[in-house]
C-alpha atoms as a PDB file:
ATOM      1  CA  MET A   1      16.487  51.445 -10.244  1.00  0.00           C
ATOM      2  CA  VAL A   2      15.612  48.296 -12.162  1.00  0.00           C
ATOM      3  CA  GLU A   3      15.654  48.760 -15.912  1.00  0.00           C
ATOM      4  CA  ARG A   4      12.559  47.429 -17.650  1.00  0.00           C
ATOM      5  CA  ARG A   5      13.203  45.288 -20.702  1.00  0.00           C
ATOM      6  CA  PRO A   6       9.920  44.084 -22.184  1.00  0.00           C
ATOM      7  CA  TYR A   7      11.537  41.664 -24.600  1.00  0.00           C
ATOM      8  CA  LEU A   8      13.387  39.901 -21.756  1.00  0.00           C
ATOM      9  CA  THR A   9      10.158  39.648 -19.792  1.00  0.00           C
ATOM     10  CA  PHE A  10       8.382  38.202 -22.811  1.00  0.00           C
ATOM     11  CA  LEU A  11      11.236  35.756 -23.453  1.00  0.00           C
ATOM     12  CA  SER A  12      11.312  34.518 -19.864  1.00  0.00           C
ATOM     13  CA  HIS A  13       7.539  34.024 -19.826  1.00  0.00           C
ATOM     14  CA  ALA A  14       7.710  32.215 -23.154  1.00  0.00           C
ATOM     15  CA  PHE A  15      10.266  29.777 -21.770  1.00  0.00           C
ATOM     16  CA  LEU A  16       8.119  29.226 -18.680  1.00  0.00           C
ATOM     17  CA  VAL A  17       5.039  28.518 -20.791  1.00  0.00           C
ATOM     18  CA  LEU A  18       7.053  26.166 -22.997  1.00  0.00           C
ATOM     19  CA  GLY A  19       8.386  24.317 -19.960  1.00  0.00           C
ATOM     20  CA  VAL A  20       4.908  23.922 -18.495  1.00  0.00           C
ATOM     21  CA  ALA A  21       3.618  22.659 -21.843  1.00  0.00           C
ATOM     22  CA  VAL A  22       6.378  20.064 -22.121  1.00  0.00           C
ATOM     23  CA  VAL A  23       5.671  18.799 -18.594  1.00  0.00           C
ATOM     24  CA  ALA A  24       1.881  18.925 -18.901  1.00  0.00           C
ATOM     25  CA  PHE A  25       1.514  17.346 -22.363  1.00  0.00           C
ATOM     26  CA  PRO A  26       2.079  13.714 -21.214  1.00  0.00           C
ATOM     27  CA  ILE A  27      -0.477  14.251 -18.458  1.00  0.00           C
ATOM     28  CA  TYR A  28      -2.914  15.651 -21.011  1.00  0.00           C
ATOM     29  CA  VAL A  29      -2.393  12.599 -23.227  1.00  0.00           C
ATOM     30  CA  THR A  30      -3.036  10.365 -20.201  1.00  0.00           C
ATOM     31  CA  VAL A  31      -6.308  12.154 -19.432  1.00  0.00           C
ATOM     32  CA  ILE A  32      -7.415  11.943 -23.061  1.00  0.00           C
ATOM     33  CA  ALA A  33      -6.563   8.225 -23.208  1.00  0.00           C
ATOM     34  CA  MET A  34      -8.822   7.661 -20.200  1.00  0.00           C
ATOM     35  CA  THR A  35     -11.815   8.762 -22.252  1.00  0.00           C
ATOM     36  CA  HIS A  36     -11.362   6.388 -25.209  1.00  0.00           C
ATOM     37  CA  GLY A  37     -11.754   2.689 -25.868  1.00  0.00           C
ATOM     38  CA  PRO A  38      -8.824   0.337 -26.568  1.00  0.00           C
ATOM     39  CA  GLN A  39      -9.085   0.491 -30.366  1.00  0.00           C
ATOM     40  CA  ALA A  40      -8.963   4.281 -30.581  1.00  0.00           C
ATOM     41  CA  LEU A  41      -5.526   4.364 -28.955  1.00  0.00           C
ATOM     42  CA  LEU A  42      -4.076   1.956 -31.519  1.00  0.00           C
ATOM     43  CA  GLN A  43      -4.650   4.429 -34.321  1.00  0.00           C
ATOM     44  CA  VAL A  44      -1.970   6.700 -35.728  1.00  0.00           C
ATOM     45  CA  PRO A  45      -2.075   9.480 -34.726  1.00  0.00           C
ATOM     46  CA  ILE A  46      -3.703   8.884 -31.360  1.00  0.00           C
ATOM     47  CA  PRO A  47      -6.747  11.038 -30.597  1.00  0.00           C
ATOM     48  CA  LEU A  48      -6.068  14.319 -28.810  1.00  0.00           C
ATOM     49  CA  LEU A  49      -9.698  15.171 -28.066  1.00  0.00           C
ATOM     50  CA  PRO A  50     -11.838  13.623 -25.310  1.00  0.00           C
ATOM     51  CA  GLY A  51     -13.954  10.546 -25.999  1.00  0.00           C
ATOM     52  CA  ASP A  52     -17.036   9.107 -24.300  1.00  0.00           C
ATOM     53  CA  GLN A  53     -15.637   6.078 -22.457  1.00  0.00           C
ATOM     54  CA  LEU A  54     -14.399   7.761 -19.272  1.00  0.00           C
ATOM     55  CA  TRP A  55     -16.926   6.316 -16.837  1.00  0.00           C
ATOM     56  CA  ASN A  56     -16.726   2.854 -18.371  1.00  0.00           C
ATOM     57  CA  ASN A  57     -12.953   2.856 -18.020  1.00  0.00           C
ATOM     58  CA  LEU A  58     -13.086   4.149 -14.446  1.00  0.00           C
ATOM     59  CA  ASN A  59     -15.647   1.551 -13.429  1.00  0.00           C
ATOM     60  CA  GLU A  60     -13.660  -1.267 -15.035  1.00  0.00           C
ATOM     61  CA  VAL A  61     -10.366  -0.158 -13.501  1.00  0.00           C
ATOM     62  CA  LEU A  62     -11.601   0.629 -10.007  1.00  0.00           C
ATOM     63  CA  PHE A  63     -13.988  -2.249  -9.389  1.00  0.00           C
ATOM     64  CA  VAL A  64     -13.365  -5.055 -11.890  1.00  0.00           C
ATOM     65  CA  GLY A  65      -9.621  -5.590 -12.298  1.00  0.00           C
ATOM     66  CA  ARG A  66      -7.861  -7.365 -15.144  1.00  0.00           C
ATOM     67  CA  SER A  67      -7.891 -11.145 -15.297  1.00  0.00           C
ATOM     68  CA  THR A  68      -5.532 -11.127 -18.298  1.00  0.00           C
ATOM     69  CA  SER A  69      -2.746  -9.547 -16.244  1.00  0.00           C
ATOM     70  CA  GLY A  70      -3.762 -10.982 -12.889  1.00  0.00           C
ATOM     71  CA  THR A  71      -4.292  -7.593 -11.253  1.00  0.00           C
ATOM     72  CA  PRO A  72      -7.045  -6.934  -8.697  1.00  0.00           C
ATOM     73  CA  PRO A  73      -9.291  -3.842  -8.771  1.00  0.00           C
ATOM     74  CA  THR A  74      -7.305  -0.631  -8.637  1.00  0.00           C
ATOM     75  CA  TRP A  75      -8.970   0.575  -5.433  1.00  0.00           C
ATOM     76  CA  LEU A  76      -7.399  -2.388  -3.599  1.00  0.00           C
ATOM     77  CA  MET A  77      -3.954  -1.755  -5.097  1.00  0.00           C
ATOM     78  CA  MET A  78      -4.193   1.921  -4.164  1.00  0.00           C
ATOM     79  CA  VAL A  79      -5.112   1.009  -0.586  1.00  0.00           C
ATOM     80  CA  ASN A  80      -2.081  -1.282  -0.446  1.00  0.00           C
ATOM     81  CA  SER A  81       0.155   1.461  -1.819  1.00  0.00           C
ATOM     82  CA  LEU A  82      -1.310   3.985   0.629  1.00  0.00           C
ATOM     83  CA  VAL A  83      -0.770   1.720   3.632  1.00  0.00           C
ATOM     84  CA  MET A  84       2.776   0.997   2.493  1.00  0.00           C
ATOM     85  CA  ALA A  85       3.624   4.652   1.781  1.00  0.00           C
ATOM     86  CA  ILE A  86       2.211   5.946   5.080  1.00  0.00           C
ATOM     87  CA  GLY A  87       3.825   3.131   7.048  1.00  0.00           C
ATOM     88  CA  ILE A  88       7.240   3.759   5.491  1.00  0.00           C
ATOM     89  CA  THR A  89       6.926   7.534   5.901  1.00  0.00           C
ATOM     90  CA  VAL A  90       5.813   7.501   9.539  1.00  0.00           C
ATOM     91  CA  GLY A  91       8.293   4.768  10.421  1.00  0.00           C
ATOM     92  CA  LYS A  92      11.238   6.587   8.849  1.00  0.00           C
ATOM     93  CA  ILE A  93      10.352   9.897  10.518  1.00  0.00           C
ATOM     94  CA  VAL A  94       9.787   8.431  13.993  1.00  0.00           C
ATOM     95  CA  ILE A  95      12.924   6.286  13.977  1.00  0.00           C
ATOM     96  CA  SER A  96      15.032   9.090  12.512  1.00  0.00           C
ATOM     97  CA  ILE A  97      13.825  11.614  15.088  1.00  0.00           C
ATOM     98  CA  LEU A  98      14.593   9.259  17.962  1.00  0.00           C
ATOM     99  CA  SER A  99      17.999   8.341  16.529  1.00  0.00           C
ATOM    100  CA  ALA A 100      19.000  11.939  15.874  1.00  0.00           C
ATOM    101  CA  PHE A 101      17.729  13.033  19.303  1.00  0.00           C
ATOM    102  CA  ALA A 102      19.822  10.356  21.025  1.00  0.00           C
ATOM    103  CA  ILE A 103      22.937  11.298  19.053  1.00  0.00           C
ATOM    104  CA  VAL A 104      22.607  15.038  19.706  1.00  0.00           C
ATOM    105  CA  TYR A 105      21.340  15.229  23.303  1.00  0.00           C
ATOM    106  CA  PHE A 106      22.799  12.157  24.999  1.00  0.00           C
ATOM    107  CA  ARG A 107      26.434  11.411  25.818  1.00  0.00           C
ATOM    108  CA  PHE A 108      27.270   7.722  25.642  1.00  0.00           C
ATOM    109  CA  PRO A 109      30.323   5.715  24.515  1.00  0.00           C
ATOM    110  CA  PHE A 110      30.922   5.427  20.765  1.00  0.00           C
ATOM    111  CA  ARG A 111      28.118   7.887  20.070  1.00  0.00           C
ATOM    112  CA  MET A 112      29.751   9.325  16.948  1.00  0.00           C
ATOM    113  CA  LEU A 113      30.865   5.883  15.812  1.00  0.00           C
ATOM    114  CA  PHE A 114      27.251   4.767  15.752  1.00  0.00           C
ATOM    115  CA  PHE A 115      26.279   7.905  13.870  1.00  0.00           C
ATOM    116  CA  TRP A 116      28.901   7.305  11.190  1.00  0.00           C
ATOM    117  CA  MET A 117      27.867   3.671  10.932  1.00  0.00           C
ATOM    118  CA  ILE A 118      24.343   4.892  10.193  1.00  0.00           C
ATOM    119  CA  PHE A 119      25.655   7.469   7.740  1.00  0.00           C
ATOM    120  CA  ILE A 120      27.804   4.922   5.873  1.00  0.00           C
ATOM    121  CA  THR A 121      24.676   2.923   5.002  1.00  0.00           C
ATOM    122  CA  LEU A 122      23.904   5.677   2.473  1.00  0.00           C
ATOM    123  CA  MET A 123      26.503   3.994   0.282  1.00  0.00           C
ATOM    124  CA  LEU A 124      24.570   0.723   0.366  1.00  0.00           C
ATOM    125  CA  PRO A 125      21.591   0.979  -2.013  1.00  0.00           C
ATOM    126  CA  VAL A 126      18.590  -1.267  -1.602  1.00  0.00           C
ATOM    127  CA  GLU A 127      19.718  -3.493  -4.475  1.00  0.00           C
ATOM    128  CA  VAL A 128      22.946  -4.402  -2.631  1.00  0.00           C
ATOM    129  CA  ARG A 129      21.198  -5.679   0.495  1.00  0.00           C
ATOM    130  CA  ILE A 130      17.953  -6.860  -0.997  1.00  0.00           C
ATOM    131  CA  LEU A 131      18.758 -10.595  -1.029  1.00  0.00           C
ATOM    132  CA  PRO A 132      19.715 -10.897   2.664  1.00  0.00           C
ATOM    133  CA  THR A 133      16.769  -8.657   3.547  1.00  0.00           C
ATOM    134  CA  PHE A 134      14.424 -10.922   1.592  1.00  0.00           C
ATOM    135  CA  GLU A 135      15.877 -13.974   3.336  1.00  0.00           C
ATOM    136  CA  VAL A 136      15.229 -12.432   6.754  1.00  0.00           C
ATOM    137  CA  VAL A 137      11.672 -11.432   5.817  1.00  0.00           C
ATOM    138  CA  ALA A 138      10.940 -14.873   4.395  1.00  0.00           C
ATOM    139  CA  GLY A 139      12.390 -16.508   7.507  1.00  0.00           C
ATOM    140  CA  LEU A 140      10.042 -14.456   9.680  1.00  0.00           C
ATOM    141  CA  ASN A 141       7.037 -15.477   7.521  1.00  0.00           C
ATOM    142  CA  LEU A 142       6.340 -11.872   6.567  1.00  0.00           C
ATOM    143  CA  LEU A 143       5.810 -12.446   2.850  1.00  0.00           C
ATOM    144  CA  ASN A 144       2.439 -11.256   1.534  1.00  0.00           C
ATOM    145  CA  SER A 145       1.853  -8.953   4.490  1.00  0.00           C
ATOM    146  CA  TYR A 146       1.854  -5.240   5.168  1.00  0.00           C
ATOM    147  CA  THR A 147       4.561  -5.779   7.780  1.00  0.00           C
ATOM    148  CA  GLY A 148       6.815  -7.371   5.166  1.00  0.00           C
ATOM    149  CA  LEU A 149       6.180  -4.481   2.791  1.00  0.00           C
ATOM    150  CA  ILE A 150       6.902  -1.768   5.362  1.00  0.00           C
ATOM    151  CA  LEU A 151       9.321  -2.995   8.029  1.00  0.00           C
ATOM    152  CA  PRO A 152      12.528  -3.438   5.958  1.00  0.00           C
ATOM    153  CA  LEU A 153      12.201   0.086   4.512  1.00  0.00           C
ATOM    154  CA  ILE A 154      11.533   2.189   7.610  1.00  0.00           C
ATOM    155  CA  ALA A 155      15.172   2.967   8.489  1.00  0.00           C
ATOM    156  CA  SER A 156      16.590   6.092   6.843  1.00  0.00           C
ATOM    157  CA  ALA A 157      20.156   7.348   7.218  1.00  0.00           C
ATOM    158  CA  THR A 158      19.304  10.464   5.211  1.00  0.00           C
ATOM    159  CA  ALA A 159      16.444  11.483   7.503  1.00  0.00           C
ATOM    160  CA  THR A 160      18.575  10.760  10.590  1.00  0.00           C
ATOM    161  CA  PHE A 161      21.329  12.999   9.256  1.00  0.00           C
ATOM    162  CA  LEU A 162      18.901  15.812   8.398  1.00  0.00           C
ATOM    163  CA  PHE A 163      17.211  15.710  11.798  1.00  0.00           C
ATOM    164  CA  ARG A 164      20.615  15.691  13.500  1.00  0.00           C
ATOM    165  CA  GLN A 165      21.516  18.883  11.648  1.00  0.00           C
ATOM    166  CA  VAL A 166      18.197  20.459  12.655  1.00  0.00           C
ATOM    167  CA  PHE A 167      18.516  19.485  16.307  1.00  0.00           C
ATOM    168  CA  MET A 168      22.040  20.914  16.466  1.00  0.00           C
ATOM    169  CA  THR A 169      20.603  24.353  15.657  1.00  0.00           C
ATOM    170  CA  ILE A 170      18.324  24.292  18.734  1.00  0.00           C
ATOM    171  CA  PRO A 171      19.978  26.271  21.555  1.00  0.00           C
ATOM    172  CA  ASP A 172      21.288  24.234  24.496  1.00  0.00           C
ATOM    173  CA  GLU A 173      19.661  26.769  26.815  1.00  0.00           C
ATOM    174  CA  LEU A 174      16.257  25.295  25.955  1.00  0.00           C
ATOM    175  CA  MET A 175      17.400  21.875  27.147  1.00  0.00           C
ATOM    176  CA  GLU A 176      18.780  23.355  30.359  1.00  0.00           C
ATOM    177  CA  ALA A 177      15.550  25.299  30.960  1.00  0.00           C
ATOM    178  CA  ALA A 178      13.519  22.128  30.431  1.00  0.00           C
ATOM    179  CA  ARG A 179      15.672  20.262  32.958  1.00  0.00           C
ATOM    180  CA  ILE A 180      15.249  23.041  35.521  1.00  0.00           C
ATOM    181  CA  ASP A 181      11.465  22.837  35.040  1.00  0.00           C
ATOM    182  CA  GLY A 182      11.631  19.104  35.697  1.00  0.00           C
ATOM    183  CA  ALA A 183      10.881  17.966  32.149  1.00  0.00           C
ATOM    184  CA  SER A 184      12.183  14.558  31.127  1.00  0.00           C
ATOM    185  CA  ALA A 185      14.105  13.976  27.916  1.00  0.00           C
ATOM    186  CA  MET A 186      11.028  12.604  26.157  1.00  0.00           C
ATOM    187  CA  ARG A 187       8.928  15.541  27.348  1.00  0.00           C
ATOM    188  CA  PHE A 188      11.543  17.916  25.943  1.00  0.00           C
ATOM    189  CA  LEU A 189      11.486  15.984  22.660  1.00  0.00           C
ATOM    190  CA  VAL A 190       7.693  16.036  22.345  1.00  0.00           C
ATOM    191  CA  ASP A 191       7.007  19.577  23.590  1.00  0.00           C
ATOM    192  CA  VAL A 192      10.017  21.467  22.248  1.00  0.00           C
ATOM    193  CA  VAL A 193      12.080  19.639  19.654  1.00  0.00           C
ATOM    194  CA  VAL A 194       9.311  18.177  17.503  1.00  0.00           C
ATOM    195  CA  PRO A 195       7.257  21.425  17.242  1.00  0.00           C
ATOM    196  CA  MET A 196      10.397  23.342  16.276  1.00  0.00           C
ATOM    197  CA  SER A 197      11.083  20.767  13.550  1.00  0.00           C
ATOM    198  CA  ARG A 198       7.594  20.640  12.030  1.00  0.00           C
ATOM    199  CA  THR A 199       8.600  22.295   8.734  1.00  0.00           C
ATOM    200  CA  ASN A 200      11.413  19.792   8.261  1.00  0.00           C
ATOM    201  CA  ILE A 201       9.092  16.951   9.178  1.00  0.00           C
ATOM    202  CA  ALA A 202       6.612  18.170   6.563  1.00  0.00           C
ATOM    203  CA  ALA A 203       9.296  18.385   3.888  1.00  0.00           C
ATOM    204  CA  LEU A 204      10.527  14.886   4.683  1.00  0.00           C
ATOM    205  CA  PHE A 205       6.952  13.582   4.824  1.00  0.00           C
ATOM    206  CA  VAL A 206       6.340  14.646   1.233  1.00  0.00           C
ATOM    207  CA  ILE A 207       9.635  13.197  -0.018  1.00  0.00           C
ATOM    208  CA  LEU A 208       9.303   9.929   1.892  1.00  0.00           C
ATOM    209  CA  PHE A 209       5.635   9.463   0.973  1.00  0.00           C
ATOM    210  CA  ILE A 210       6.462   9.692  -2.719  1.00  0.00           C
ATOM    211  CA  PHE A 211       9.414   7.338  -2.142  1.00  0.00           C
ATOM    212  CA  GLY A 212       7.135   4.780  -0.499  1.00  0.00           C
ATOM    213  CA  TRP A 213       4.341   5.204  -3.042  1.00  0.00           C
ATOM    214  CA  ASN A 214       6.691   4.611  -5.983  1.00  0.00           C
ATOM    215  CA  GLN A 215       8.304   1.477  -4.558  1.00  0.00           C
ATOM    216  CA  TYR A 216       8.380  -1.332  -7.118  1.00  0.00           C
ATOM    217  CA  LEU A 217      11.287  -3.744  -6.623  1.00  0.00           C
ATOM    218  CA  TRP A 218      10.673  -4.624  -2.979  1.00  0.00           C
ATOM    219  CA  PRO A 219       6.886  -5.200  -3.316  1.00  0.00           C
ATOM    220  CA  LEU A 220       7.605  -7.295  -6.403  1.00  0.00           C
ATOM    221  CA  LEU A 221       9.792  -9.621  -4.331  1.00  0.00           C
ATOM    222  CA  VAL A 222       7.700  -9.997  -1.187  1.00  0.00           C
ATOM    223  CA  THR A 223       4.206 -10.261  -2.693  1.00  0.00           C
ATOM    224  CA  THR A 224       2.947 -13.252  -4.615  1.00  0.00           C
ATOM    225  CA  GLU A 225      -0.750 -12.839  -3.811  1.00  0.00           C
ATOM    226  CA  SER A 226      -2.720 -10.293  -5.811  1.00  0.00           C
ATOM    227  CA  ASP A 227      -4.416  -9.000  -2.655  1.00  0.00           C
ATOM    228  CA  PHE A 228      -1.139  -7.298  -1.707  1.00  0.00           C
ATOM    229  CA  TYR A 229      -0.184  -5.877  -5.106  1.00  0.00           C
ATOM    230  CA  THR A 230       0.623  -2.170  -5.122  1.00  0.00           C
ATOM    231  CA  VAL A 231      -0.595   0.136  -7.870  1.00  0.00           C
ATOM    232  CA  VAL A 232       2.898   0.510  -9.376  1.00  0.00           C
ATOM    233  CA  MET A 233       3.136  -3.269  -9.613  1.00  0.00           C
ATOM    234  CA  GLY A 234      -0.321  -3.369 -11.174  1.00  0.00           C
ATOM    235  CA  ILE A 235       0.632  -0.912 -13.924  1.00  0.00           C
ATOM    236  CA  GLN A 236       3.740  -2.921 -14.746  1.00  0.00           C
ATOM    237  CA  ARG A 237       1.768  -6.168 -14.907  1.00  0.00           C
ATOM    238  CA  MET A 238      -0.769  -4.564 -17.234  1.00  0.00           C
ATOM    239  CA  LEU A 239       2.083  -3.808 -19.630  1.00  0.00           C
ATOM    240  CA  ARG A 240       3.275  -7.433 -19.659  1.00  0.00           C
ATOM    241  CA  VAL A 241       0.617  -9.099 -21.767  1.00  0.00           C
ATOM    242  CA  GLY A 242       2.817 -11.355 -23.893  1.00  0.00           C
ATOM    243  CA  GLU A 243       1.599 -11.565 -27.456  1.00  0.00           C
ATOM    244  CA  SER A 244      -1.499  -9.495 -26.772  1.00  0.00           C
ATOM    245  CA  VAL A 245      -1.830  -5.766 -27.303  1.00  0.00           C
ATOM    246  CA  PRO A 246      -1.760  -3.689 -24.089  1.00  0.00           C
ATOM    247  CA  GLU A 247      -5.070  -2.071 -23.180  1.00  0.00           C
ATOM    248  CA  TRP A 248      -3.771   1.464 -23.115  1.00  0.00           C
ATOM    249  CA  ASN A 249      -7.041   2.983 -21.992  1.00  0.00           C
ATOM    250  CA  ILE A 250      -6.971   0.818 -18.855  1.00  0.00           C
ATOM    251  CA  ILE A 251      -3.265   1.432 -18.265  1.00  0.00           C
ATOM    252  CA  MET A 252      -3.626   5.199 -18.633  1.00  0.00           C
ATOM    253  CA  THR A 253      -6.656   5.274 -16.347  1.00  0.00           C
ATOM    254  CA  THR A 254      -4.768   3.353 -13.678  1.00  0.00           C
ATOM    255  CA  THR A 255      -1.746   5.620 -14.135  1.00  0.00           C
ATOM    256  CA  PHE A 256      -3.845   8.744 -13.671  1.00  0.00           C
ATOM    257  CA  LEU A 257      -5.446   7.355 -10.515  1.00  0.00           C
ATOM    258  CA  ALA A 258      -1.975   6.454  -9.194  1.00  0.00           C
ATOM    259  CA  MET A 259      -0.883  10.084  -9.562  1.00  0.00           C
ATOM    260  CA  ILE A 260      -3.676  11.471  -7.387  1.00  0.00           C
ATOM    261  CA  PRO A 261      -2.448  10.623  -3.822  1.00  0.00           C
ATOM    262  CA  PRO A 262       1.102  12.028  -4.274  1.00  0.00           C
ATOM    263  CA  VAL A 263      -0.327  15.182  -5.861  1.00  0.00           C
ATOM    264  CA  VAL A 264      -2.783  15.609  -2.976  1.00  0.00           C
ATOM    265  CA  VAL A 265       0.021  15.212  -0.417  1.00  0.00           C
ATOM    266  CA  VAL A 266       2.241  17.734  -2.206  1.00  0.00           C
ATOM    267  CA  ILE A 267      -0.569  20.296  -2.509  1.00  0.00           C
ATOM    268  CA  ALA A 268      -1.738  19.824   1.091  1.00  0.00           C
ATOM    269  CA  MET A 269       1.750  20.257   2.543  1.00  0.00           C
ATOM    270  CA  GLN A 270       3.181  22.656  -0.020  1.00  0.00           C
ATOM    271  CA  GLY A 271       3.587  25.593   2.328  1.00  0.00           C
ATOM    272  CA  LEU A 272       5.408  23.679   5.068  1.00  0.00           C
ATOM    273  CA  PHE A 273       7.354  21.703   2.450  1.00  0.00           C
ATOM    274  CA  VAL A 274       8.798  24.812   0.817  1.00  0.00           C
ATOM    275  CA  LYS A 275       9.471  26.471   4.154  1.00  0.00           C
ATOM    276  CA  GLY A 276      11.266  23.361   5.407  1.00  0.00           C
ATOM    277  CA  LEU A 277      13.526  23.303   2.350  1.00  0.00           C
ATOM    278  CA  ILE A 278      14.475  27.004   2.333  1.00  0.00           C
ATOM    279  CA  ASP A 279      14.652  27.736   6.058  1.00  0.00           C
ATOM    280  CA  ALA A 280      18.034  29.424   6.301  1.00  0.00           C
ATOM    281  CA  GLU A 281      18.589  28.460   9.928  1.00  0.00           C
ATOM    282  CA  LYS A 282      18.197  24.736   9.205  1.00  0.00           C
END
């Protein structure tokens, strides 16, 4: 029998409410800043009640852009970020699935050596290899292109390792049954392995999408034309105004818009994401 302790229940709920308030307050300030003009946000204290400039700020951010910081309209930067995030996410998942499938289900010389070579790359952060990567991309004339933004980031040792662990939990009898039925290796991958891994794919999709959406350093290096700026780059450029005062209403509006796609992805895939993370068999 579980003993009821009302004061412990109250205390736990109070801590939960406090935690939610701490996390939500910056978002609330961002939303409030969207509704005010630039001068209101320079006052001390800043306003904590909504203003009447929301639609003006949204129109200016989405369709006008900022000539002072050299940023294009936010809708274009969000499209660039979306293309980059989806390209990186899909590329990482596809390549990792194929790599892990080859390592688990095929027997070829130096198979484990290749796996450990892939795994060792986890110790090489992007900053270590960014200069030679930039040189290769520049040599291939991929600067200021979606290919240059996506291609160098689509390999993932972490995803390969995770899919390898998942595939090792699939019984070998399924592979033998597929061979008896005349299914090829790719048919077995598409019809059996991938459907059994859908929760893990969903969990990785959420993580990798946010990773791709938040990329800043690599887009900063490979894009010099404003037509290929990502939204994270745009926010940073809005903050660098030299001697001028940042337009916080515009920055906060852009920041809020930049939060929407990752939140939508997390909400849409929440069920599979949680299941993929807590599945005891994987």
